Amino acid sequence: MPDLTTAPGALALTCLLAYLLGSVPFGLVITRLMGLGDLRRLGSGNIGATNVLRTGHKGAALATLLLDAAKGGVAVLIARAMLAEDAAQLAALAAFLGHIFPVWLGFRGGKGVATFLGTLIALAWPVGLAVCATWAATALITRISSLAALVATASSTLWLLGLGQGRMLALGAALTLLIYQRHSANIARLRAGTEPRIGSRKA
């Protein structure tokens, strides 16, 4: 954990603003603007990039991925620039919670992988890039997005330790546990051998 140097009021405001930024459902907004339908009624019903890809529009999926990552990264960078490292880590957590529990959608949001990666890149870019590379390698080998996400997030603890970012371990562990909880249905399908591969239109 970083040293607590920021005033409680500033931390509370940081938490609120980061949550609101993280809660913007870019996947839903993009698919509606592009006339691709209601993302919550397609495939898995998830608002993330993997489900956007099931519309068949790769550009929309890429835009969703980048924007979902960016909202986490931007929250971290603003908090760090204006306050300190404790506020940056809190902003990362709040933006992540905003994505998976957005108030605008009845607290039913995405699974948080892109936002997790965005916050990691902003907090400690070598760790973020290493986790992204782990995701990419696993996805390339298995062609299963959820498995790549689970392997990558689990690897974040090792990367944090190996790259000297021990002060982020508590945050990394909390976000990893939340991602695993959000992927409970995917884990069950992986065990059953029925999890769809990248590009599939199935749930």
N, C-alpha and C. Protein backbone atom coordinates (compact mmCIF):
# COMPACT_ATOMS: atom_id res chain seq x y z
N MET A 1 0.84 -1.20 0.00
CA MET A 1 0.00 0.00 0.00
C MET A 1 0.87 1.25 0.00
N PRO A 2 0.45 2.29 -0.75
CA PRO A 2 1.21 3.54 -0.73
C PRO A 2 0.97 4.28 0.59
N ASP A 3 1.88 5.21 0.91
CA ASP A 3 1.67 6.04 2.09
C ASP A 3 0.43 6.90 1.90
N LEU A 4 -0.36 7.04 2.98
CA LEU A 4 -1.57 7.86 2.92
C LEU A 4 -1.21 9.31 3.20
N THR A 5 -1.16 10.11 2.15
CA THR A 5 -0.76 11.51 2.28
C THR A 5 -1.84 12.49 1.86
N THR A 6 -2.87 12.01 1.20
CA THR A 6 -3.93 12.88 0.69
C THR A 6 -5.04 13.05 1.72
N ALA A 7 -5.59 14.24 1.81
CA ALA A 7 -6.66 14.52 2.75
C ALA A 7 -7.88 13.65 2.46
N PRO A 8 -8.59 13.20 3.51
CA PRO A 8 -9.75 12.32 3.31
C PRO A 8 -10.80 12.90 2.36
N GLY A 9 -11.06 14.20 2.45
CA GLY A 9 -12.05 14.81 1.56
C GLY A 9 -11.65 14.71 0.11
N ALA A 10 -10.36 14.93 -0.17
CA ALA A 10 -9.87 14.83 -1.55
C ALA A 10 -9.94 13.39 -2.04
N LEU A 11 -9.67 12.45 -1.15
CA LEU A 11 -9.78 11.04 -1.54
C LEU A 11 -11.22 10.66 -1.84
N ALA A 12 -12.15 11.17 -1.05
CA ALA A 12 -13.56 10.88 -1.29
C ALA A 12 -14.02 11.44 -2.63
N LEU A 13 -13.59 12.67 -2.94
CA LEU A 13 -13.96 13.27 -4.23
C LEU A 13 -13.32 12.50 -5.38
N THR A 14 -12.07 12.09 -5.19
CA THR A 14 -11.39 11.28 -6.21
C THR A 14 -12.16 10.00 -6.48
N CYS A 15 -12.60 9.36 -5.41
CA CYS A 15 -13.34 8.10 -5.54
C CYS A 15 -14.62 8.30 -6.34
N LEU A 16 -15.35 9.37 -6.03
CA LEU A 16 -16.62 9.64 -6.71
C LEU A 16 -16.41 9.91 -8.19
N LEU A 17 -15.46 10.81 -8.50
CA LEU A 17 -15.23 11.19 -9.90
C LEU A 17 -14.68 10.02 -10.72
N ALA A 18 -13.79 9.25 -10.12
CA ALA A 18 -13.23 8.09 -10.83
C ALA A 18 -14.32 7.05 -11.08
N TYR A 19 -15.18 6.84 -10.10
CA TYR A 19 -16.29 5.91 -10.28
C TYR A 19 -17.18 6.35 -11.44
N LEU A 20 -17.53 7.62 -11.48
CA LEU A 20 -18.40 8.13 -12.54
C LEU A 20 -17.75 7.97 -13.91
N LEU A 21 -16.45 8.24 -13.99
CA LEU A 21 -15.74 8.04 -15.26
C LEU A 21 -15.74 6.57 -15.65
N GLY A 22 -15.45 5.71 -14.68
CA GLY A 22 -15.42 4.28 -14.97
C GLY A 22 -16.77 3.71 -15.34
N SER A 23 -17.84 4.36 -14.90
CA SER A 23 -19.18 3.83 -15.13
C SER A 23 -19.74 4.14 -16.52
N VAL A 24 -19.02 4.92 -17.32
CA VAL A 24 -19.49 5.21 -18.68
C VAL A 24 -19.45 3.90 -19.49
N PRO A 25 -20.59 3.41 -19.97
CA PRO A 25 -20.64 2.12 -20.68
C PRO A 25 -20.33 2.28 -22.17
N PHE A 26 -19.06 2.42 -22.48
CA PHE A 26 -18.66 2.73 -23.86
C PHE A 26 -19.14 1.69 -24.86
N GLY A 27 -19.11 0.41 -24.50
CA GLY A 27 -19.57 -0.62 -25.42
C GLY A 27 -21.01 -0.41 -25.82
N LEU A 28 -21.84 -0.11 -24.83
CA LEU A 28 -23.26 0.12 -25.09
C LEU A 28 -23.47 1.37 -25.92
N VAL A 29 -22.74 2.43 -25.60
CA VAL A 29 -22.87 3.70 -26.34
C VAL A 29 -22.44 3.53 -27.79
N ILE A 30 -21.30 2.88 -28.00
CA ILE A 30 -20.77 2.73 -29.35
C ILE A 30 -21.70 1.88 -30.22
N THR A 31 -22.17 0.77 -29.70
CA THR A 31 -23.04 -0.10 -30.51
C THR A 31 -24.36 0.58 -30.85
N ARG A 32 -24.86 1.37 -29.93
CA ARG A 32 -26.11 2.09 -30.23
C ARG A 32 -25.88 3.18 -31.27
N LEU A 33 -24.79 3.92 -31.13
CA LEU A 33 -24.49 4.98 -32.09
C LEU A 33 -24.26 4.42 -33.49
N MET A 34 -23.73 3.21 -33.57
CA MET A 34 -23.44 2.59 -34.86
C MET A 34 -24.59 1.74 -35.37
N GLY A 35 -25.70 1.74 -34.65
CA GLY A 35 -26.86 0.99 -35.10
C GLY A 35 -26.69 -0.51 -35.05
N LEU A 36 -25.91 -0.99 -34.08
CA LEU A 36 -25.63 -2.42 -33.97
C LEU A 36 -26.56 -3.13 -32.99
N GLY A 37 -27.53 -2.40 -32.44
CA GLY A 37 -28.50 -2.99 -31.53
C GLY A 37 -28.13 -2.82 -30.08
N ASP A 38 -28.91 -3.42 -29.22
CA ASP A 38 -28.71 -3.35 -27.78
C ASP A 38 -27.75 -4.46 -27.37
N LEU A 39 -26.56 -4.08 -26.95
CA LEU A 39 -25.51 -5.05 -26.63
C LEU A 39 -25.94 -6.02 -25.54
N ARG A 40 -26.81 -5.57 -24.65
CA ARG A 40 -27.25 -6.43 -23.55
C ARG A 40 -28.15 -7.56 -24.01
N ARG A 41 -28.61 -7.50 -25.25
CA ARG A 41 -29.46 -8.56 -25.80
C ARG A 41 -28.72 -9.43 -26.82
N LEU A 42 -27.41 -9.25 -26.87
CA LEU A 42 -26.59 -9.98 -27.84
C LEU A 42 -25.60 -10.87 -27.11
N GLY A 43 -25.39 -12.06 -27.63
CA GLY A 43 -24.37 -12.94 -27.09
C GLY A 43 -24.51 -13.16 -25.60
N SER A 44 -23.44 -12.79 -24.87
CA SER A 44 -23.42 -12.98 -23.42
C SER A 44 -24.19 -11.89 -22.69
N GLY A 45 -24.54 -10.80 -23.38
CA GLY A 45 -25.21 -9.69 -22.74
C GLY A 45 -24.25 -8.74 -22.05
N ASN A 46 -22.97 -9.05 -22.11
CA ASN A 46 -21.95 -8.22 -21.47
C ASN A 46 -21.71 -6.95 -22.29
N ILE A 47 -21.26 -5.87 -21.63
CA ILE A 47 -21.06 -4.60 -22.33
C ILE A 47 -19.61 -4.38 -22.75
N GLY A 48 -18.77 -5.41 -22.64
CA GLY A 48 -17.36 -5.27 -22.97
C GLY A 48 -17.03 -5.55 -24.43
N ALA A 49 -15.74 -5.40 -24.74
CA ALA A 49 -15.27 -5.50 -26.13
C ALA A 49 -15.49 -6.88 -26.73
N THR A 50 -15.33 -7.94 -25.93
CA THR A 50 -15.51 -9.30 -26.47
C THR A 50 -16.93 -9.49 -27.00
N ASN A 51 -17.90 -9.00 -26.26
CA ASN A 51 -19.28 -9.14 -26.73
C ASN A 51 -19.57 -8.20 -27.90
N VAL A 52 -18.95 -7.02 -27.91
CA VAL A 52 -19.11 -6.12 -29.06
C VAL A 52 -18.61 -6.80 -30.32
N LEU A 53 -17.53 -7.57 -30.20
CA LEU A 53 -16.98 -8.29 -31.35
C LEU A 53 -18.00 -9.25 -31.95
N ARG A 54 -18.94 -9.71 -31.14
CA ARG A 54 -19.96 -10.64 -31.63
C ARG A 54 -20.95 -9.96 -32.57
N THR A 55 -20.92 -8.63 -32.64
CA THR A 55 -21.75 -7.93 -33.63
C THR A 55 -21.15 -8.08 -35.02
N GLY A 56 -19.89 -8.53 -35.09
CA GLY A 56 -19.19 -8.64 -36.36
C GLY A 56 -18.46 -7.38 -36.75
N HIS A 57 -18.50 -6.35 -35.89
CA HIS A 57 -17.87 -5.07 -36.21
C HIS A 57 -16.58 -4.94 -35.39
N LYS A 58 -15.44 -5.25 -36.02
CA LYS A 58 -14.16 -5.24 -35.32
C LYS A 58 -13.78 -3.83 -34.87
N GLY A 59 -14.14 -2.82 -35.67
CA GLY A 59 -13.82 -1.45 -35.29
C GLY A 59 -14.51 -1.03 -34.01
N ALA A 60 -15.78 -1.43 -33.88
CA ALA A 60 -16.53 -1.11 -32.66
C ALA A 60 -15.93 -1.82 -31.46
N ALA A 61 -15.50 -3.06 -31.65
CA ALA A 61 -14.89 -3.82 -30.55
C ALA A 61 -13.58 -3.18 -30.12
N LEU A 62 -12.77 -2.77 -31.10
CA LEU A 62 -11.49 -2.14 -30.77
C LEU A 62 -11.71 -0.82 -30.05
N ALA A 63 -12.66 -0.02 -30.52
CA ALA A 63 -12.96 1.25 -29.87
C ALA A 63 -13.41 1.04 -28.43
N THR A 64 -14.24 0.02 -28.22
CA THR A 64 -14.70 -0.30 -26.87
C THR A 64 -13.54 -0.70 -25.98
N LEU A 65 -12.66 -1.54 -26.50
CA LEU A 65 -11.49 -1.99 -25.73
C LEU A 65 -10.63 -0.81 -25.31
N LEU A 66 -10.34 0.07 -26.26
CA LEU A 66 -9.45 1.20 -25.98
C LEU A 66 -10.09 2.20 -25.01
N LEU A 67 -11.37 2.47 -25.19
CA LEU A 67 -12.04 3.44 -24.32
C LEU A 67 -12.24 2.88 -22.92
N ASP A 68 -12.56 1.60 -22.81
CA ASP A 68 -12.71 0.99 -21.48
C ASP A 68 -11.38 0.98 -20.74
N ALA A 69 -10.29 0.77 -21.47
CA ALA A 69 -8.96 0.83 -20.84
C ALA A 69 -8.60 2.27 -20.49
N ALA A 70 -8.91 3.19 -21.41
CA ALA A 70 -8.54 4.58 -21.21
C ALA A 70 -9.22 5.21 -20.00
N LYS A 71 -10.47 4.85 -19.75
CA LYS A 71 -11.15 5.50 -18.62
C LYS A 71 -10.50 5.15 -17.30
N GLY A 72 -9.98 3.93 -17.18
CA GLY A 72 -9.24 3.57 -15.98
C GLY A 72 -7.90 4.29 -15.91
N GLY A 73 -7.20 4.32 -17.04
CA GLY A 73 -5.90 4.98 -17.08
C GLY A 73 -5.98 6.47 -16.85
N VAL A 74 -6.96 7.11 -17.44
CA VAL A 74 -7.13 8.56 -17.27
C VAL A 74 -7.45 8.90 -15.82
N ALA A 75 -8.30 8.12 -15.19
CA ALA A 75 -8.63 8.36 -13.78
C ALA A 75 -7.37 8.31 -12.92
N VAL A 76 -6.52 7.34 -13.17
CA VAL A 76 -5.27 7.21 -12.42
C VAL A 76 -4.34 8.39 -12.66
N LEU A 77 -4.16 8.75 -13.91
CA LEU A 77 -3.20 9.81 -14.26
C LEU A 77 -3.63 11.16 -13.70
N ILE A 78 -4.92 11.45 -13.75
CA ILE A 78 -5.41 12.72 -13.21
C ILE A 78 -5.23 12.76 -11.69
N ALA A 79 -5.58 11.66 -11.02
CA ALA A 79 -5.45 11.62 -9.57
C ALA A 79 -3.98 11.75 -9.15
N ARG A 80 -3.10 11.11 -9.86
CA ARG A 80 -1.67 11.20 -9.53
C ARG A 80 -1.14 12.60 -9.77
N ALA A 81 -1.54 13.21 -10.88
CA ALA A 81 -1.04 14.54 -11.21
C ALA A 81 -1.54 15.60 -10.23
N MET A 82 -2.77 15.46 -9.79
CA MET A 82 -3.37 16.48 -8.93
C MET A 82 -3.15 16.21 -7.44
N LEU A 83 -2.94 14.93 -7.08
CA LEU A 83 -2.83 14.59 -5.66
C LEU A 83 -1.57 13.77 -5.41
N ALA A 84 -1.72 12.48 -5.19
CA ALA A 84 -0.55 11.65 -4.88
C ALA A 84 -0.84 10.20 -5.23
N GLU A 85 0.12 9.32 -4.90
CA GLU A 85 0.00 7.91 -5.30
C GLU A 85 -1.16 7.20 -4.60
N ASP A 86 -1.47 7.60 -3.36
CA ASP A 86 -2.61 6.97 -2.69
C ASP A 86 -3.90 7.27 -3.42
N ALA A 87 -4.04 8.50 -3.91
CA ALA A 87 -5.22 8.87 -4.69
C ALA A 87 -5.24 8.14 -6.03
N ALA A 88 -4.08 7.93 -6.62
CA ALA A 88 -4.01 7.23 -7.91
C ALA A 88 -4.51 5.80 -7.77
N GLN A 89 -4.08 5.11 -6.70
CA GLN A 89 -4.54 3.73 -6.51
C GLN A 89 -6.03 3.68 -6.18
N LEU A 90 -6.50 4.65 -5.40
CA LEU A 90 -7.93 4.69 -5.11
C LEU A 90 -8.73 4.96 -6.37
N ALA A 91 -8.23 5.83 -7.23
CA ALA A 91 -8.91 6.12 -8.50
C ALA A 91 -8.98 4.87 -9.36
N ALA A 92 -7.91 4.08 -9.35
CA ALA A 92 -7.91 2.82 -10.12
C ALA A 92 -9.02 1.90 -9.64
N LEU A 93 -9.13 1.75 -8.33
CA LEU A 93 -10.17 0.88 -7.76
C LEU A 93 -11.56 1.41 -8.08
N ALA A 94 -11.76 2.72 -7.90
CA ALA A 94 -13.08 3.32 -8.10
C ALA A 94 -13.50 3.25 -9.56
N ALA A 95 -12.58 3.51 -10.49
CA ALA A 95 -12.92 3.43 -11.91
C ALA A 95 -13.28 2.00 -12.29
N PHE A 96 -12.55 1.05 -11.75
CA PHE A 96 -12.83 -0.37 -12.01
C PHE A 96 -14.21 -0.74 -11.48
N LEU A 97 -14.53 -0.32 -10.26
CA LEU A 97 -15.85 -0.60 -9.70
C LEU A 97 -16.95 0.08 -10.51
N GLY A 98 -16.66 1.27 -11.02
CA GLY A 98 -17.63 1.96 -11.86
C GLY A 98 -17.94 1.17 -13.12
N HIS A 99 -16.92 0.54 -13.68
CA HIS A 99 -17.13 -0.25 -14.90
C HIS A 99 -17.96 -1.50 -14.63
N ILE A 100 -17.66 -2.21 -13.55
CA ILE A 100 -18.38 -3.47 -13.34
C ILE A 100 -19.71 -3.28 -12.60
N PHE A 101 -19.85 -2.13 -11.92
CA PHE A 101 -21.11 -1.84 -11.22
C PHE A 101 -21.59 -0.42 -11.56
N PRO A 102 -21.93 -0.16 -12.83
CA PRO A 102 -22.34 1.20 -13.21
C PRO A 102 -23.75 1.54 -12.72
N VAL A 103 -23.87 2.68 -12.08
CA VAL A 103 -25.17 3.08 -11.54
C VAL A 103 -26.21 3.23 -12.64
N TRP A 104 -25.77 3.63 -13.84
CA TRP A 104 -26.70 3.89 -14.95
C TRP A 104 -27.35 2.62 -15.47
N LEU A 105 -26.74 1.46 -15.23
CA LEU A 105 -27.25 0.19 -15.76
C LEU A 105 -27.70 -0.74 -14.65
N GLY A 106 -28.15 -0.16 -13.54
CA GLY A 106 -28.60 -0.98 -12.44
C GLY A 106 -27.49 -1.80 -11.81
N PHE A 107 -26.25 -1.27 -11.87
CA PHE A 107 -25.07 -1.91 -11.29
C PHE A 107 -24.73 -3.23 -11.97
N ARG A 108 -25.15 -3.37 -13.23
CA ARG A 108 -24.80 -4.57 -14.01
C ARG A 108 -23.95 -4.13 -15.19
N GLY A 109 -22.64 -4.25 -15.02
CA GLY A 109 -21.71 -3.76 -16.04
C GLY A 109 -20.86 -4.84 -16.64
N GLY A 110 -19.64 -4.47 -17.01
CA GLY A 110 -18.73 -5.38 -17.68
C GLY A 110 -17.94 -6.23 -16.70
N LYS A 111 -16.96 -6.94 -17.24
CA LYS A 111 -16.16 -7.85 -16.42
C LYS A 111 -14.84 -7.22 -15.98
N GLY A 112 -14.51 -6.07 -16.54
CA GLY A 112 -13.43 -5.26 -16.00
C GLY A 112 -12.03 -5.49 -16.54
N VAL A 113 -11.85 -6.37 -17.50
CA VAL A 113 -10.49 -6.72 -17.93
C VAL A 113 -9.80 -5.53 -18.60
N ALA A 114 -10.46 -4.89 -19.54
CA ALA A 114 -9.83 -3.75 -20.24
C ALA A 114 -9.53 -2.62 -19.27
N THR A 115 -10.47 -2.33 -18.37
CA THR A 115 -10.25 -1.27 -17.39
C THR A 115 -9.11 -1.62 -16.45
N PHE A 116 -9.02 -2.87 -16.07
CA PHE A 116 -7.91 -3.37 -15.25
C PHE A 116 -6.57 -3.12 -15.96
N LEU A 117 -6.51 -3.46 -17.23
CA LEU A 117 -5.27 -3.27 -17.99
C LEU A 117 -4.93 -1.79 -18.11
N GLY A 118 -5.93 -0.96 -18.34
CA GLY A 118 -5.69 0.48 -18.45
C GLY A 118 -5.15 1.08 -17.16
N THR A 119 -5.70 0.65 -16.03
CA THR A 119 -5.21 1.18 -14.76
C THR A 119 -3.79 0.69 -14.48
N LEU A 120 -3.49 -0.55 -14.82
CA LEU A 120 -2.14 -1.07 -14.60
C LEU A 120 -1.12 -0.31 -15.43
N ILE A 121 -1.45 -0.04 -16.68
CA ILE A 121 -0.52 0.69 -17.55
C ILE A 121 -0.25 2.08 -16.98
N ALA A 122 -1.30 2.73 -16.47
CA ALA A 122 -1.13 4.08 -15.91
C ALA A 122 -0.38 4.05 -14.59
N LEU A 123 -0.63 3.05 -13.75
CA LEU A 123 0.02 2.97 -12.45
C LEU A 123 1.49 2.57 -12.57
N ALA A 124 1.78 1.58 -13.40
CA ALA A 124 3.15 1.08 -13.56
C ALA A 124 3.23 0.44 -14.95
N TRP A 125 3.62 1.23 -15.94
CA TRP A 125 3.51 0.77 -17.32
C TRP A 125 4.26 -0.52 -17.63
N PRO A 126 5.44 -0.81 -17.02
CA PRO A 126 6.08 -2.10 -17.33
C PRO A 126 5.20 -3.28 -16.91
N VAL A 127 4.55 -3.14 -15.75
CA VAL A 127 3.65 -4.21 -15.29
C VAL A 127 2.46 -4.32 -16.23
N GLY A 128 1.87 -3.18 -16.57
CA GLY A 128 0.71 -3.19 -17.46
C GLY A 128 1.02 -3.83 -18.80
N LEU A 129 2.16 -3.48 -19.38
CA LEU A 129 2.53 -4.05 -20.68
C LEU A 129 2.82 -5.55 -20.56
N ALA A 130 3.41 -5.96 -19.45
CA ALA A 130 3.68 -7.39 -19.25
C ALA A 130 2.38 -8.18 -19.14
N VAL A 131 1.41 -7.63 -18.44
CA VAL A 131 0.12 -8.32 -18.31
C VAL A 131 -0.60 -8.34 -19.66
N CYS A 132 -0.52 -7.24 -20.40
CA CYS A 132 -1.12 -7.21 -21.75
C CYS A 132 -0.47 -8.27 -22.64
N ALA A 133 0.84 -8.40 -22.56
CA ALA A 133 1.54 -9.40 -23.37
C ALA A 133 1.11 -10.81 -22.97
N THR A 134 0.89 -11.01 -21.67
CA THR A 134 0.41 -12.32 -21.20
C THR A 134 -0.97 -12.62 -21.76
N TRP A 135 -1.84 -11.60 -21.74
CA TRP A 135 -3.17 -11.77 -22.33
C TRP A 135 -3.06 -12.12 -23.81
N ALA A 136 -2.25 -11.36 -24.54
CA ALA A 136 -2.14 -11.56 -25.98
C ALA A 136 -1.60 -12.94 -26.32
N ALA A 137 -0.59 -13.38 -25.59
CA ALA A 137 0.00 -14.69 -25.85
C ALA A 137 -1.00 -15.81 -25.57
N THR A 138 -1.72 -15.69 -24.47
CA THR A 138 -2.71 -16.72 -24.13
C THR A 138 -3.86 -16.73 -25.14
N ALA A 139 -4.31 -15.54 -25.55
CA ALA A 139 -5.39 -15.46 -26.53
C ALA A 139 -4.95 -16.03 -27.87
N LEU A 140 -3.71 -15.77 -28.26
CA LEU A 140 -3.19 -16.27 -29.53
C LEU A 140 -3.13 -17.80 -29.53
N ILE A 141 -2.73 -18.35 -28.41
CA ILE A 141 -2.57 -19.81 -28.32
C ILE A 141 -3.92 -20.52 -28.19
N THR A 142 -4.80 -19.98 -27.34
CA THR A 142 -6.04 -20.70 -27.02
C THR A 142 -7.26 -20.22 -27.80
N ARG A 143 -7.20 -18.97 -28.28
CA ARG A 143 -8.35 -18.34 -28.96
C ARG A 143 -9.57 -18.25 -28.04
N ILE A 144 -9.33 -18.16 -26.74
CA ILE A 144 -10.42 -18.04 -25.77
C ILE A 144 -10.18 -16.78 -24.95
N SER A 145 -11.01 -15.78 -25.13
CA SER A 145 -10.81 -14.49 -24.49
C SER A 145 -10.86 -14.58 -22.97
N SER A 146 -11.83 -15.32 -22.45
CA SER A 146 -11.97 -15.40 -20.99
C SER A 146 -10.76 -16.07 -20.35
N LEU A 147 -10.24 -17.11 -20.98
CA LEU A 147 -9.07 -17.79 -20.44
C LEU A 147 -7.86 -16.86 -20.46
N ALA A 148 -7.72 -16.10 -21.54
CA ALA A 148 -6.63 -15.13 -21.62
C ALA A 148 -6.74 -14.10 -20.50
N ALA A 149 -7.97 -13.65 -20.23
CA ALA A 149 -8.19 -12.67 -19.17
C ALA A 149 -7.83 -13.25 -17.81
N LEU A 150 -8.24 -14.48 -17.56
CA LEU A 150 -7.98 -15.11 -16.27
C LEU A 150 -6.49 -15.36 -16.05
N VAL A 151 -5.80 -15.83 -17.08
CA VAL A 151 -4.36 -16.06 -16.97
C VAL A 151 -3.62 -14.75 -16.78
N ALA A 152 -4.01 -13.73 -17.55
CA ALA A 152 -3.32 -12.44 -17.47
C ALA A 152 -3.50 -11.78 -16.12
N THR A 153 -4.73 -11.78 -15.62
CA THR A 153 -4.96 -11.14 -14.32
C THR A 153 -4.26 -11.90 -13.21
N ALA A 154 -4.26 -13.22 -13.27
CA ALA A 154 -3.54 -14.01 -12.27
C ALA A 154 -2.04 -13.73 -12.32
N SER A 155 -1.53 -13.49 -13.52
CA SER A 155 -0.09 -13.23 -13.66
C SER A 155 0.31 -11.86 -13.11
N SER A 156 -0.67 -10.97 -12.91
CA SER A 156 -0.33 -9.62 -12.47
C SER A 156 0.40 -9.61 -11.14
N THR A 157 0.05 -10.52 -10.24
CA THR A 157 0.72 -10.59 -8.95
C THR A 157 2.21 -10.91 -9.13
N LEU A 158 2.50 -11.86 -10.00
CA LEU A 158 3.90 -12.21 -10.26
C LEU A 158 4.65 -11.06 -10.91
N TRP A 159 3.99 -10.38 -11.85
CA TRP A 159 4.64 -9.25 -12.51
C TRP A 159 4.87 -8.09 -11.53
N LEU A 160 3.91 -7.85 -10.64
CA LEU A 160 4.08 -6.79 -9.65
C LEU A 160 5.28 -7.08 -8.75
N LEU A 161 5.41 -8.32 -8.31
CA LEU A 161 6.54 -8.69 -7.46
C LEU A 161 7.85 -8.65 -8.24
N GLY A 162 7.84 -9.21 -9.44
CA GLY A 162 9.06 -9.28 -10.24
C GLY A 162 9.58 -7.95 -10.71
N LEU A 163 8.67 -6.98 -10.88
CA LEU A 163 9.08 -5.67 -11.39
C LEU A 163 9.09 -4.61 -10.28
N GLY A 164 9.14 -5.05 -9.04
CA GLY A 164 9.36 -4.15 -7.93
C GLY A 164 8.21 -3.21 -7.60
N GLN A 165 6.98 -3.68 -7.78
CA GLN A 165 5.81 -2.86 -7.49
C GLN A 165 4.99 -3.46 -6.35
N GLY A 166 5.67 -3.83 -5.29
CA GLY A 166 5.00 -4.47 -4.17
C GLY A 166 3.93 -3.61 -3.51
N ARG A 167 4.04 -2.28 -3.62
CA ARG A 167 3.05 -1.41 -2.99
C ARG A 167 1.69 -1.48 -3.70
N MET A 168 1.66 -2.12 -4.87
CA MET A 168 0.40 -2.27 -5.59
C MET A 168 -0.22 -3.65 -5.41
N LEU A 169 0.40 -4.50 -4.59
CA LEU A 169 -0.07 -5.88 -4.46
C LEU A 169 -1.50 -5.97 -3.95
N ALA A 170 -1.84 -5.18 -2.95
CA ALA A 170 -3.19 -5.25 -2.38
C ALA A 170 -4.22 -4.87 -3.43
N LEU A 171 -3.96 -3.79 -4.16
CA LEU A 171 -4.88 -3.36 -5.22
C LEU A 171 -4.97 -4.43 -6.30
N GLY A 172 -3.83 -4.92 -6.76
CA GLY A 172 -3.83 -5.94 -7.81
C GLY A 172 -4.59 -7.18 -7.41
N ALA A 173 -4.40 -7.61 -6.15
CA ALA A 173 -5.10 -8.81 -5.67
C ALA A 173 -6.61 -8.57 -5.61
N ALA A 174 -7.02 -7.39 -5.15
CA ALA A 174 -8.45 -7.08 -5.06
C ALA A 174 -9.10 -7.08 -6.43
N LEU A 175 -8.45 -6.46 -7.40
CA LEU A 175 -9.02 -6.40 -8.75
C LEU A 175 -9.04 -7.78 -9.40
N THR A 176 -8.01 -8.56 -9.15
CA THR A 176 -7.96 -9.92 -9.69
C THR A 176 -9.10 -10.77 -9.14
N LEU A 177 -9.34 -10.69 -7.85
CA LEU A 177 -10.44 -11.45 -7.25
C LEU A 177 -11.79 -11.03 -7.82
N LEU A 178 -11.98 -9.73 -8.05
CA LEU A 178 -13.23 -9.26 -8.62
C LEU A 178 -13.40 -9.76 -10.05
N ILE A 179 -12.32 -9.76 -10.82
CA ILE A 179 -12.39 -10.26 -12.20
C ILE A 179 -12.74 -11.75 -12.21
N TYR A 180 -12.15 -12.51 -11.31
CA TYR A 180 -12.47 -13.94 -11.25
C TYR A 180 -13.94 -14.14 -10.85
N GLN A 181 -14.42 -13.32 -9.94
CA GLN A 181 -15.83 -13.42 -9.55
C GLN A 181 -16.74 -13.11 -10.73
N ARG A 182 -16.38 -12.11 -11.51
CA ARG A 182 -17.18 -11.72 -12.66
C ARG A 182 -17.12 -12.77 -13.78
N HIS A 183 -16.10 -13.60 -13.75
CA HIS A 183 -15.94 -14.64 -14.77
C HIS A 183 -16.39 -16.02 -14.27
N SER A 184 -17.20 -16.06 -13.23
CA SER A 184 -17.59 -17.36 -12.66
C SER A 184 -18.29 -18.25 -13.69
N ALA A 185 -19.16 -17.65 -14.51
CA ALA A 185 -19.85 -18.44 -15.53
C ALA A 185 -18.87 -18.93 -16.60
N ASN A 186 -17.91 -18.08 -16.96
CA ASN A 186 -16.89 -18.47 -17.94
C ASN A 186 -16.05 -19.62 -17.40
N ILE A 187 -15.69 -19.54 -16.12
CA ILE A 187 -14.89 -20.61 -15.52
C ILE A 187 -15.64 -21.94 -15.57
N ALA A 188 -16.94 -21.89 -15.31
CA ALA A 188 -17.75 -23.11 -15.37
C ALA A 188 -17.76 -23.68 -16.79
N ARG A 189 -17.87 -22.78 -17.80
CA ARG A 189 -17.86 -23.26 -19.19
C ARG A 189 -16.49 -23.77 -19.60
N LEU A 190 -15.44 -23.15 -19.09
CA LEU A 190 -14.09 -23.63 -19.39
C LEU A 190 -13.90 -25.05 -18.85
N ARG A 191 -14.39 -25.28 -17.66
CA ARG A 191 -14.29 -26.62 -17.07
C ARG A 191 -15.10 -27.64 -17.85
N ALA A 192 -16.23 -27.18 -18.42
CA ALA A 192 -17.09 -28.09 -19.19
C ALA A 192 -16.65 -28.22 -20.64
N GLY A 193 -15.69 -27.38 -21.05
CA GLY A 193 -15.22 -27.41 -22.43
C GLY A 193 -16.17 -26.78 -23.42
N THR A 194 -17.04 -25.87 -22.93
CA THR A 194 -18.04 -25.26 -23.82
C THR A 194 -17.85 -23.75 -23.99
N GLU A 195 -16.75 -23.23 -23.50
CA GLU A 195 -16.52 -21.79 -23.63
C GLU A 195 -16.24 -21.43 -25.09
N PRO A 196 -16.95 -20.42 -25.65
CA PRO A 196 -16.74 -20.06 -27.06
C PRO A 196 -15.38 -19.42 -27.29
N ARG A 197 -14.91 -19.52 -28.52
CA ARG A 197 -13.63 -18.93 -28.88
C ARG A 197 -13.82 -17.52 -29.42
N ILE A 198 -12.74 -16.79 -29.51
CA ILE A 198 -12.77 -15.41 -29.97
C ILE A 198 -13.39 -15.34 -31.37
N GLY A 199 -14.34 -14.43 -31.53
CA GLY A 199 -15.00 -14.28 -32.81
C GLY A 199 -16.31 -15.02 -32.92
N SER A 200 -16.57 -15.92 -31.96
CA SER A 200 -17.82 -16.66 -31.98
C SER A 200 -18.97 -15.74 -31.62
N ARG A 201 -20.15 -15.97 -32.19
CA ARG A 201 -21.32 -15.18 -31.89
C ARG A 201 -22.15 -15.80 -30.77
N LYS A 202 -21.67 -16.92 -30.24
CA LYS A 202 -22.41 -17.60 -29.18
C LYS A 202 -22.17 -16.88 -27.86
N ALA A 203 -23.05 -17.12 -26.89
CA ALA A 203 -22.93 -16.51 -25.56
C ALA A 203 -21.71 -17.05 -24.83
